[in-house]
Amino acid sequence: MITANSFARLAAVVLLAAASLANIAGARAATIVIVNQNGAGIGFNDATPVEPVGGNPGTTLGQQRLIAFQHAADLWGATLDSDIPIRIGAAFVPLSCTVTSAVLGSAGAPSVWADFPNAPRTDTWYPPALTAKLVGVDLTPPSQQHIIARFNSLLGLYPNCVPGLTFYLGLDNNAGDQIDLVTVLLHEMAHGLGFQTYTDDATGEEIQGTPSIWDHYLLDNRSGRTWVQMTDAERAASAVAWRGLSWNGANVTAAAPSVLARAALMTISGPSASSAAGVYAVGTASFGPPVGATPVSGQLMPIIDQAGGAGLACAPLSTVNALAVRGNIALVDRGNCDYVVKARNVQAAGAIGLVVADNVPGEVAGLPGLDPGITIPALRITQADGQKLKSALQTRSRTRSGVVAQFSVDPLRLAGADEAGRVLLYTPSVNAPGSSVSHYTTEATPNQLMEPAINDDLTHEVAPPHDLTLPLLYDIGW
């Protein structure tokens, strides 16, 4: 399923190929067909009148949904190489909703194939669309689909389903504060094309003791072994090891330097830093200037605007807080408002940078949002690191803390890659079903289509120099 922050794959059905079939040379593109699985009057057949939007000429809600689906399918089709049409069984249906959260949808391959003619690897599961390309003949019966996709028909249209939050059906990637459906579709279609493991990421158990093609490229960068070389328990452990699982595919590794920026760092020093001194792992913002080769340095000053001592910066800063951050770097807490709001408020008060401390345990993550008016850099740190810094900031004057923060870039490491330049997978320390392992890390900069959340700054690109999705599909056989 897809929520605002996470995605999951559909359960796979196991199929085996037995016949010997001739391979047919592939074309330089693929045809992707959307199979409308909605009934009359609902989903793609919803006759509610709408105005054309963002290059989508549909005049009913159902027409616009179908046009957006086919647009995303055509974008993928233009990048792939297969003679076999790829069928996506798609529908808009009611999915789980509350006033504050919703399942957006789900998509994936409904079957997997192994040991078919021309299989690059034996004893390995492949998704049906890739299987058809490699064999040259469609092994999936015509009555069945290569990918199944379901999306929430209730989103934003009912008072009990996140009112005000809707799918943007335009084709121009101009969703504003809505959810860009084309971007979500590109992400989910990639899962169906093979951007996922069929091995259980929580238990490490393979389907019938057979690995996915994906698993051949999952490298535990601590032990130097791939998932196919590991036990169930070892795979499960690597799936919750932060920065511990890398993609060991030649196409992705070669493309990464042209796509990813250098990793950002925050270094803490100064006479009052004490045990807080050192280099901190950080998440970067999709708004404001990137952390560059020219360091930004200043006194780190906490904002306090809550009774419990927290500083949210969700409103214009008080005189005392504004005095503290002017010409300095502001430390605020996550929560209660968007990150861009916090950045606008500290920037208006004269801060030269922003650090957001998380309010829940976990690994570093980025700061999503868009605002061209933000001109200061912003970074995010973990809750534990935030508490460490706050302890060092207990004694300070109104304008100086003696704790100096410097934003800079790592000259040796890419943002979202390990020390050897291999792109990291998403492996939070608490397993996230459907998100863990089958996505790129959230540390990638710029944000990538196949991270476990849809970010505001994504384009409709799937290939370098913007994105690393297509190189991974090339690695598995596309």
Protein backbone atom coordinates (compact mmCIF):
# COMPACT_ATOMS: atom_id res chain seq x y z
CA MET A 1 0.00 0.00 0.00
CA ILE A 2 0.97 3.63 -0.34
CA THR A 3 0.46 6.07 2.49
CA ALA A 4 1.76 9.61 2.68
CA ASN A 5 5.14 8.17 3.72
CA SER A 6 5.31 4.56 2.66
CA PHE A 7 4.76 2.09 -0.12
CA ALA A 8 4.28 -1.67 -0.24
CA ARG A 9 4.24 -4.41 -2.80
CA LEU A 10 1.48 -6.89 -3.50
CA ALA A 11 1.98 -10.52 -2.51
CA ALA A 12 3.53 -12.56 -5.31
CA VAL A 13 2.08 -15.73 -6.83
CA VAL A 14 4.71 -18.28 -7.82
CA LEU A 15 4.78 -19.49 -11.43
CA LEU A 16 7.31 -21.71 -13.19
CA ALA A 17 8.12 -21.65 -16.89
CA ALA A 18 8.73 -25.03 -18.51
CA ALA A 19 8.48 -24.77 -22.29
CA SER A 20 11.35 -23.78 -24.55
CA LEU A 21 10.44 -20.60 -26.40
CA ALA A 22 12.34 -18.61 -29.00
CA ASN A 23 13.66 -15.18 -28.12
CA ILE A 24 12.63 -12.24 -30.27
CA ALA A 25 14.93 -9.22 -30.62
CA GLY A 26 13.62 -6.29 -28.58
CA ALA A 27 12.61 -2.90 -29.90
CA ARG A 28 13.89 0.37 -28.54
CA ALA A 29 10.68 1.06 -26.64
CA ALA A 30 7.88 -0.77 -24.86
CA THR A 31 4.12 -0.49 -25.04
CA ILE A 32 2.35 -0.24 -21.68
CA VAL A 33 -1.40 -0.73 -21.71
CA ILE A 34 -3.69 0.34 -18.86
CA VAL A 35 -6.46 -2.24 -18.37
CA ASN A 36 -9.44 -0.47 -16.79
CA GLN A 37 -10.73 -2.73 -14.02
CA ASN A 38 -13.35 -0.34 -12.68
CA GLY A 39 -17.05 -0.94 -12.98
CA ALA A 40 -19.58 1.47 -14.44
CA GLY A 41 -19.74 4.91 -12.85
CA ILE A 42 -16.71 4.53 -10.55
CA GLY A 43 -12.96 5.04 -10.73
CA PHE A 44 -11.89 5.47 -14.35
CA ASN A 45 -15.57 5.54 -15.29
CA ASP A 46 -16.57 8.26 -12.82
CA ALA A 47 -18.60 10.77 -14.85
CA THR A 48 -18.21 13.68 -12.40
CA PRO A 49 -17.55 16.78 -14.57
CA VAL A 50 -14.15 18.46 -14.12
CA GLU A 51 -12.22 21.21 -15.83
CA PRO A 52 -9.07 20.33 -17.82
CA VAL A 53 -5.97 20.81 -15.69
CA GLY A 54 -2.21 20.92 -16.32
CA GLY A 55 -2.32 19.54 -19.83
CA ASN A 56 -4.85 16.84 -18.96
CA PRO A 57 -7.79 17.43 -21.36
CA GLY A 58 -10.25 15.05 -19.68
CA THR A 59 -13.68 16.49 -18.92
CA THR A 60 -14.73 13.91 -16.32
CA LEU A 61 -12.90 12.72 -13.21
CA GLY A 62 -12.64 9.22 -14.64
CA GLN A 63 -11.21 10.43 -17.95
CA GLN A 64 -8.56 12.52 -16.21
CA ARG A 65 -7.53 9.60 -14.02
CA LEU A 66 -7.14 7.33 -17.03
CA ILE A 67 -5.23 9.96 -19.03
CA ALA A 68 -2.81 10.47 -16.11
CA PHE A 69 -2.29 6.70 -15.86
CA GLN A 70 -1.59 6.35 -19.57
CA HIS A 71 0.73 9.38 -19.49
CA ALA A 72 2.84 7.76 -16.77
CA ALA A 73 2.76 4.47 -18.68
CA ASP A 74 3.97 6.21 -21.83
CA LEU A 75 6.84 7.85 -19.94
CA TRP A 76 7.98 4.44 -18.76
CA GLY A 77 7.37 2.85 -22.14
CA ALA A 78 9.64 5.38 -23.84
CA THR A 79 12.55 4.31 -21.61
CA LEU A 80 12.20 0.51 -21.72
CA ASP A 81 13.12 -2.07 -24.33
CA SER A 82 10.59 -4.88 -24.91
CA ASP A 83 8.55 -6.28 -27.78
CA ILE A 84 5.90 -7.63 -25.39
CA PRO A 85 3.14 -5.19 -24.38
CA ILE A 86 3.03 -4.69 -20.60
CA ARG A 87 -0.47 -4.84 -19.12
CA ILE A 88 -1.28 -2.94 -15.92
CA GLY A 89 -4.59 -3.85 -14.31
CA ALA A 90 -5.60 -0.58 -12.66
CA ALA A 91 -8.54 0.69 -10.65
CA PHE A 92 -9.54 3.47 -8.28
CA VAL A 93 -11.28 1.90 -5.28
CA PRO A 94 -12.11 2.95 -1.70
CA LEU A 95 -9.09 2.37 0.55
CA SER A 96 -8.44 3.01 4.22
CA CYS A 97 -8.93 6.65 5.28
CA THR A 98 -9.16 8.90 8.31
CA VAL A 99 -9.37 12.67 8.58
CA THR A 100 -5.59 12.87 9.00
CA SER A 101 -4.16 9.93 7.03
CA ALA A 102 -4.95 7.70 4.09
CA VAL A 103 -3.67 4.78 2.11
CA LEU A 104 -3.00 6.29 -1.32
CA GLY A 105 -2.69 3.00 -3.15
CA SER A 106 -0.65 -0.09 -3.94
CA ALA A 107 0.95 -1.70 -6.95
CA GLY A 108 3.20 -4.59 -7.77
CA ALA A 109 3.74 -7.75 -9.76
CA PRO A 110 1.02 -10.36 -9.03
CA SER A 111 3.27 -13.27 -10.06
CA VAL A 112 6.94 -14.23 -10.30
CA TRP A 113 8.73 -16.57 -12.71
CA ALA A 114 11.89 -18.64 -12.52
CA ASP A 115 13.91 -20.95 -14.82
CA PHE A 116 12.32 -19.76 -18.04
CA PRO A 117 14.11 -19.90 -21.41
CA ASN A 118 16.88 -17.29 -21.68
CA ALA A 119 16.77 -16.51 -17.97
CA PRO A 120 20.05 -14.68 -17.18
CA ARG A 121 20.15 -16.41 -13.79
CA THR A 122 18.77 -19.81 -12.88
CA ASP A 123 16.88 -20.51 -9.64
CA THR A 124 15.90 -16.83 -9.45
CA TRP A 125 12.51 -15.12 -9.40
CA TYR A 126 11.76 -12.45 -12.02
CA PRO A 127 8.67 -10.21 -12.40
CA PRO A 128 6.32 -11.18 -15.26
CA ALA A 129 6.92 -8.12 -17.46
CA LEU A 130 10.69 -8.61 -17.35
CA THR A 131 10.25 -12.34 -17.89
CA ALA A 132 8.30 -11.64 -21.09
CA LYS A 133 11.01 -9.29 -22.36
CA LEU A 134 13.76 -11.81 -21.69
CA VAL A 135 11.91 -14.77 -23.21
CA GLY A 136 10.52 -12.82 -26.15
CA VAL A 137 7.08 -14.39 -25.66
CA ASP A 138 4.49 -13.50 -23.04
CA LEU A 139 4.20 -16.34 -20.53
CA THR A 140 1.42 -14.54 -18.64
CA PRO A 141 -2.03 -15.55 -19.95
CA PRO A 142 -3.83 -12.72 -21.83
CA SER A 143 -6.56 -12.69 -19.20
CA GLN A 144 -4.00 -11.81 -16.51
CA GLN A 145 -1.93 -8.67 -15.99
CA HIS A 146 1.79 -8.09 -15.47
CA ILE A 147 1.21 -5.39 -12.84
CA ILE A 148 -1.77 -4.72 -10.55
CA ALA A 149 -2.40 -1.17 -9.27
CA ARG A 150 -5.04 0.13 -6.86
CA PHE A 151 -5.47 3.76 -5.77
CA ASN A 152 -7.75 5.52 -3.32
CA SER A 153 -10.92 6.85 -4.92
CA LEU A 154 -11.93 8.60 -1.67
CA LEU A 155 -8.89 10.81 -1.15
CA GLY A 156 -9.89 14.40 -0.48
CA LEU A 157 -13.41 13.86 -1.79
CA TYR A 158 -15.06 12.91 1.50
CA PRO A 159 -14.92 14.58 4.93
CA ASN A 160 -13.52 11.42 6.55
CA CYS A 161 -10.65 11.03 4.06
CA VAL A 162 -8.04 13.78 4.56
CA PRO A 163 -10.28 16.61 3.37
CA GLY A 164 -8.41 19.11 1.21
CA LEU A 165 -5.70 16.65 0.14
CA THR A 166 -6.31 15.32 -3.37
CA PHE A 167 -4.50 13.73 -6.29
CA TYR A 168 -3.34 16.36 -8.77
CA LEU A 169 -4.31 14.99 -12.18
CA GLY A 170 -2.35 17.43 -14.34
CA LEU A 171 0.51 16.20 -16.48
CA ASP A 172 2.79 19.21 -15.93
CA ASN A 173 4.26 18.30 -12.50
CA ASN A 174 2.72 21.41 -10.96
CA ALA A 175 0.90 19.80 -8.02
CA GLY A 176 1.53 22.55 -5.48
CA ASP A 177 0.36 21.27 -2.08
CA GLN A 178 -1.52 18.32 -3.60
CA ILE A 179 -0.25 14.82 -4.44
CA ASP A 180 1.09 14.53 -7.97
CA LEU A 181 -0.57 11.39 -9.33
CA VAL A 182 1.82 10.96 -12.27
CA THR A 183 4.80 10.89 -9.90
CA VAL A 184 3.09 8.32 -7.67
CA LEU A 185 2.26 6.22 -10.72
CA LEU A 186 5.83 6.29 -12.02
CA HIS A 187 6.99 5.10 -8.61
CA GLU A 188 4.46 2.28 -8.37
CA MET A 189 4.93 1.12 -11.96
CA ALA A 190 8.64 0.78 -11.20
CA HIS A 191 7.80 -1.65 -8.39
CA GLY A 192 5.74 -3.71 -10.80
CA LEU A 193 8.59 -3.69 -13.32
CA GLY A 194 10.90 -5.22 -10.72
CA PHE A 195 12.06 -2.51 -8.33
CA GLN A 196 11.45 -4.75 -5.31
CA THR A 197 12.49 -7.95 -3.61
CA TYR A 198 10.11 -10.90 -3.32
CA THR A 199 12.03 -12.12 -0.29
CA ASP A 200 10.39 -11.27 3.04
CA ASP A 201 12.28 -8.25 4.35
CA ALA A 202 11.15 -8.91 7.93
CA THR A 203 12.10 -12.59 8.19
CA GLY A 204 14.60 -12.94 5.33
CA GLU A 205 12.63 -15.93 4.04
CA GLU A 206 12.74 -16.55 0.28
CA ILE A 207 9.77 -17.82 -1.74
CA GLN A 208 10.26 -21.60 -1.93
CA GLY A 209 13.90 -21.11 -0.99
CA THR A 210 14.57 -19.17 -4.20
CA PRO A 211 15.95 -15.59 -4.28
CA SER A 212 14.63 -12.65 -6.29
CA ILE A 213 16.76 -11.19 -9.06
CA TRP A 214 16.85 -8.12 -6.76
CA ASP A 215 18.61 -10.14 -4.05
CA HIS A 216 21.67 -10.82 -6.20
CA TYR A 217 22.49 -7.10 -5.99
CA LEU A 218 21.71 -6.50 -2.30
CA LEU A 219 25.10 -6.24 -0.62
CA ASP A 220 25.59 -6.22 3.14
CA ASN A 221 28.40 -3.67 3.09
CA ARG A 222 29.66 -4.78 6.52
CA SER A 223 30.18 -8.46 5.67
CA GLY A 224 30.71 -8.04 1.91
CA ARG A 225 28.09 -10.72 1.12
CA THR A 226 24.95 -10.48 -1.00
CA TRP A 227 21.53 -11.60 0.13
CA VAL A 228 21.79 -14.80 -1.92
CA GLN A 229 24.86 -15.72 0.14
CA MET A 230 23.19 -15.13 3.51
CA THR A 231 20.84 -17.01 5.82
CA ASP A 232 17.29 -15.89 6.53
CA ALA A 233 18.38 -14.44 9.88
CA GLU A 234 21.31 -12.60 8.33
CA ARG A 235 19.08 -11.08 5.66
CA ALA A 236 16.56 -9.95 8.27
CA ALA A 237 19.33 -8.34 10.32
CA SER A 238 20.76 -6.47 7.33
CA ALA A 239 17.29 -5.11 6.51
CA VAL A 240 17.32 -3.11 9.75
CA ALA A 241 20.96 -2.01 9.68
CA TRP A 242 21.15 1.70 8.98
CA ARG A 243 23.51 2.34 6.04
CA GLY A 244 24.24 -1.38 6.05
CA LEU A 245 22.69 -2.47 2.74
CA SER A 246 23.92 -1.24 -0.64
CA TRP A 247 22.93 -1.83 -4.27
CA ASN A 248 25.83 -3.61 -5.95
CA GLY A 249 24.76 -3.10 -9.57
CA ALA A 250 27.18 -1.74 -12.15
CA ASN A 251 24.68 0.55 -13.90
CA VAL A 252 23.53 2.29 -10.71
CA THR A 253 27.06 2.68 -9.34
CA ALA A 254 28.32 4.13 -12.62
CA ALA A 255 25.42 6.62 -12.84
CA ALA A 256 25.44 7.72 -9.20
CA PRO A 257 28.16 10.43 -9.50
CA SER A 258 26.18 12.16 -12.26
CA VAL A 259 22.96 12.13 -10.21
CA LEU A 260 23.81 12.43 -6.52
CA ALA A 261 25.35 15.44 -4.81
CA ARG A 262 28.16 15.22 -2.30
CA ALA A 263 26.99 14.23 1.18
CA ALA A 264 26.37 17.07 3.58
CA LEU A 265 27.98 17.15 7.01
CA MET A 266 27.55 19.18 10.17
CA THR A 267 30.62 19.63 12.34
CA ILE A 268 30.23 20.84 15.92
CA SER A 269 33.11 22.57 17.67
CA GLY A 270 33.76 25.55 19.96
CA PRO A 271 34.78 26.14 23.58
CA SER A 272 31.44 24.97 24.99
CA ALA A 273 30.89 21.97 22.71
CA SER A 274 32.51 19.50 25.11
CA SER A 275 31.29 15.93 24.42
CA ALA A 276 28.96 17.22 21.68
CA ALA A 277 31.94 18.06 19.45
CA GLY A 278 32.28 15.99 16.30
CA VAL A 279 30.83 15.27 12.88
CA TYR A 280 27.08 14.62 12.61
CA ALA A 281 25.09 12.67 10.05
CA VAL A 282 22.42 14.95 8.57
CA GLY A 283 19.47 14.98 6.22
CA THR A 284 19.24 17.79 3.69
CA ALA A 285 16.35 20.00 2.61
CA SER A 286 14.61 20.05 -0.76
CA PHE A 287 14.15 23.80 -0.27
CA GLY A 288 16.70 26.56 0.10
CA PRO A 289 20.28 26.49 -1.20
CA PRO A 290 22.16 23.19 -1.09
CA VAL A 291 25.00 22.77 1.33
CA GLY A 292 27.96 23.62 -0.85
CA ALA A 293 31.72 23.49 -0.94
CA THR A 294 31.80 26.89 0.81
CA PRO A 295 31.05 26.14 4.48
CA VAL A 296 28.38 27.99 6.45
CA SER A 297 29.46 28.46 10.04
CA GLY A 298 27.98 30.15 13.08
CA GLN A 299 27.01 29.94 16.72
CA LEU A 300 24.30 27.31 17.24
CA MET A 301 21.40 28.87 19.15
CA PRO A 302 18.27 27.03 20.31
CA ILE A 303 14.81 28.49 19.92
CA ILE A 304 12.53 28.04 22.92
CA ASP A 305 8.89 28.89 22.37
CA GLN A 306 7.06 26.07 24.18
CA ALA A 307 6.33 25.60 27.88
CA GLY A 308 8.31 22.34 27.99
CA GLY A 309 11.44 23.93 26.55
CA ALA A 310 10.98 22.92 22.93
CA GLY A 311 11.28 25.35 20.05
CA LEU A 312 8.96 24.77 17.10
CA ALA A 313 9.34 28.08 15.23
CA CYS A 314 5.87 27.68 13.75
CA ALA A 315 5.11 31.37 14.33
CA PRO A 316 7.21 34.52 13.89
CA LEU A 317 9.95 34.51 16.49
CA SER A 318 9.70 36.47 19.71
CA THR A 319 12.11 39.33 20.31
CA VAL A 320 14.28 37.12 22.54
CA ASN A 321 14.46 34.26 20.06
CA ALA A 322 15.04 36.60 17.14
CA LEU A 323 17.95 38.21 18.99
CA ALA A 324 19.41 34.75 19.68
CA VAL A 325 19.41 33.53 16.08
CA ARG A 326 20.33 36.75 14.26
CA GLY A 327 23.57 36.05 12.42
CA ASN A 328 23.64 32.56 13.95
CA ILE A 329 22.37 29.06 13.13
CA ALA A 330 18.98 28.24 14.66
CA LEU A 331 18.21 24.90 16.33
CA VAL A 332 14.51 24.03 16.33
CA ASP A 333 12.38 20.97 16.98
CA ARG A 334 10.39 19.00 14.44
CA GLY A 335 6.59 19.12 14.77
CA ASN A 336 3.36 21.12 14.49
CA CYS A 337 4.08 22.78 11.12
CA ASP A 338 5.85 22.27 7.81
CA TYR A 339 9.62 22.56 7.62
CA VAL A 340 9.37 25.46 5.19
CA VAL A 341 7.37 27.40 7.78
CA LYS A 342 10.14 26.92 10.34
CA ALA A 343 12.76 27.96 7.78
CA ARG A 344 10.82 31.09 6.79
CA ASN A 345 10.43 32.18 10.39
CA VAL A 346 14.08 31.78 11.39
CA GLN A 347 15.23 33.37 8.13
CA ALA A 348 12.97 36.36 8.77
CA ALA A 349 14.61 36.69 12.18
CA GLY A 350 18.08 36.86 10.60
CA ALA A 351 19.36 33.28 11.02
CA ILE A 352 22.02 32.14 8.54
CA GLY A 353 21.12 28.44 8.78
CA LEU A 354 18.62 26.02 10.31
CA VAL A 355 19.00 22.70 12.12
CA VAL A 356 15.84 20.67 12.78
CA ALA A 357 16.08 18.05 15.55
CA ASP A 358 13.75 15.10 15.13
CA ASN A 359 11.03 14.50 17.74
CA VAL A 360 10.99 10.70 17.48
CA PRO A 361 13.79 8.10 17.54
CA GLY A 362 15.23 6.94 14.23
CA GLU A 363 17.83 7.58 11.57
CA VAL A 364 18.46 10.83 9.73
CA ALA A 365 15.95 11.85 7.08
CA GLY A 366 15.50 14.82 4.80
CA LEU A 367 13.39 17.97 5.00
CA PRO A 368 10.72 17.94 2.27
CA GLY A 369 9.00 21.06 1.00
CA LEU A 370 9.28 23.77 -1.61
CA ASP A 371 9.64 27.52 -1.16
CA PRO A 372 11.76 29.58 -3.58
CA GLY A 373 11.89 32.39 -1.04
CA ILE A 374 14.07 30.44 1.39
CA THR A 375 17.72 31.46 1.03
CA ILE A 376 19.35 29.77 4.04
CA PRO A 377 20.52 26.13 4.18
CA ALA A 378 18.68 23.68 6.42
CA LEU A 379 19.68 20.30 7.84
CA ARG A 380 17.94 17.64 9.92
CA ILE A 381 19.46 15.57 12.73
CA THR A 382 18.23 12.68 14.83
CA GLN A 383 16.39 13.07 18.10
CA ALA A 384 19.38 11.63 19.99
CA ASP A 385 21.79 14.10 18.39
CA GLY A 386 19.36 16.93 19.08
CA GLN A 387 19.31 16.05 22.78
CA LYS A 388 23.11 15.92 22.84
CA LEU A 389 23.35 19.41 21.35
CA LYS A 390 20.69 20.83 23.66
CA SER A 391 22.70 19.59 26.63
CA ALA A 392 25.75 21.47 25.36
CA LEU A 393 23.64 24.60 24.87
CA GLN A 394 22.37 24.81 28.44
CA THR A 395 24.82 27.58 29.35
CA ARG A 396 24.87 30.49 26.89
CA SER A 397 24.38 34.22 26.56
CA ARG A 398 21.54 35.82 24.63
CA THR A 399 23.54 35.89 21.40
CA ARG A 400 26.37 33.35 21.81
CA SER A 401 26.51 29.73 22.88
CA GLY A 402 30.15 28.78 22.43
CA VAL A 403 28.91 25.85 20.33
CA VAL A 404 29.80 26.37 16.68
CA ALA A 405 28.01 24.54 13.87
CA GLN A 406 29.54 24.30 10.40
CA PHE A 407 27.67 23.03 7.32
CA SER A 408 29.93 21.54 4.66
CA VAL A 409 30.17 18.67 2.18
CA ASP A 410 32.05 15.39 2.39
CA PRO A 411 34.69 15.41 -0.38
CA LEU A 412 34.72 11.60 -0.47
CA ARG A 413 31.11 10.42 -0.19
CA LEU A 414 27.95 10.90 -2.27
CA ALA A 415 24.68 11.71 -0.53
CA GLY A 416 22.92 8.37 -0.36
CA ALA A 417 25.91 6.16 -1.14
CA ASP A 418 28.32 4.11 0.93
CA GLU A 419 32.07 4.68 1.14
CA ALA A 420 32.62 2.68 -2.07
CA GLY A 421 30.12 4.77 -4.05
CA ARG A 422 27.34 2.16 -4.05
CA VAL A 423 23.85 3.56 -3.52
CA LEU A 424 22.27 2.70 -0.19
CA LEU A 425 18.90 1.03 0.26
CA TYR A 426 16.25 2.08 2.79
CA THR A 427 16.94 0.09 5.96
CA PRO A 428 15.47 1.83 9.02
CA SER A 429 16.30 0.23 12.38
CA VAL A 430 12.64 -0.70 12.81
CA ASN A 431 11.38 -2.70 9.85
CA ALA A 432 8.82 -0.83 7.73
CA PRO A 433 6.80 -3.49 5.87
CA GLY A 434 6.63 -2.71 2.17
CA SER A 435 9.13 0.13 2.48
CA SER A 436 12.29 -1.46 3.88
CA VAL A 437 14.84 -2.80 1.37
CA SER A 438 12.70 -2.22 -1.77
CA HIS A 439 13.49 1.52 -1.91
CA TYR A 440 16.51 3.78 -2.09
CA THR A 441 17.68 5.49 1.09
CA THR A 442 16.03 8.73 2.19
CA GLU A 443 19.55 10.22 2.42
CA ALA A 444 19.82 10.52 -1.35
CA THR A 445 20.29 14.10 -2.57
CA PRO A 446 18.57 15.16 -4.72
CA ASN A 447 15.53 13.14 -3.71
CA GLN A 448 14.95 10.06 -5.84
CA LEU A 449 11.70 8.73 -7.29
CA MET A 450 12.17 5.38 -5.55
CA GLU A 451 12.55 6.61 -2.00
CA PRO A 452 9.80 5.39 0.38
CA ALA A 453 7.96 8.72 0.20
CA ILE A 454 6.95 11.07 -2.58
CA ASN A 455 8.85 14.34 -2.19
CA ASP A 456 7.72 17.72 -3.46
CA ASP A 457 10.82 18.33 -5.59
CA LEU A 458 10.57 15.20 -7.76
CA THR A 459 10.41 15.54 -11.52
CA HIS A 460 8.80 13.09 -13.93
CA GLU A 461 12.27 11.85 -14.86
CA VAL A 462 13.34 8.25 -14.21
CA ALA A 463 16.85 8.33 -15.69
CA PRO A 464 20.18 10.16 -15.16
CA PRO A 465 21.12 12.92 -14.70
CA HIS A 466 17.98 13.33 -12.58
CA ASP A 467 17.16 9.88 -11.27
CA LEU A 468 18.57 6.40 -10.64
CA THR A 469 15.47 4.27 -11.18
CA LEU A 470 16.16 3.22 -14.77
CA PRO A 471 19.80 2.20 -14.10
CA LEU A 472 18.58 -0.21 -11.44
CA LEU A 473 16.07 -1.75 -13.82
CA TYR A 474 18.93 -2.15 -16.30
CA ASP A 475 20.91 -3.96 -13.60
CA ILE A 476 18.18 -6.57 -13.10
CA GLY A 477 17.82 -7.22 -16.83
CA TRP A 478 15.78 -4.51 -18.51
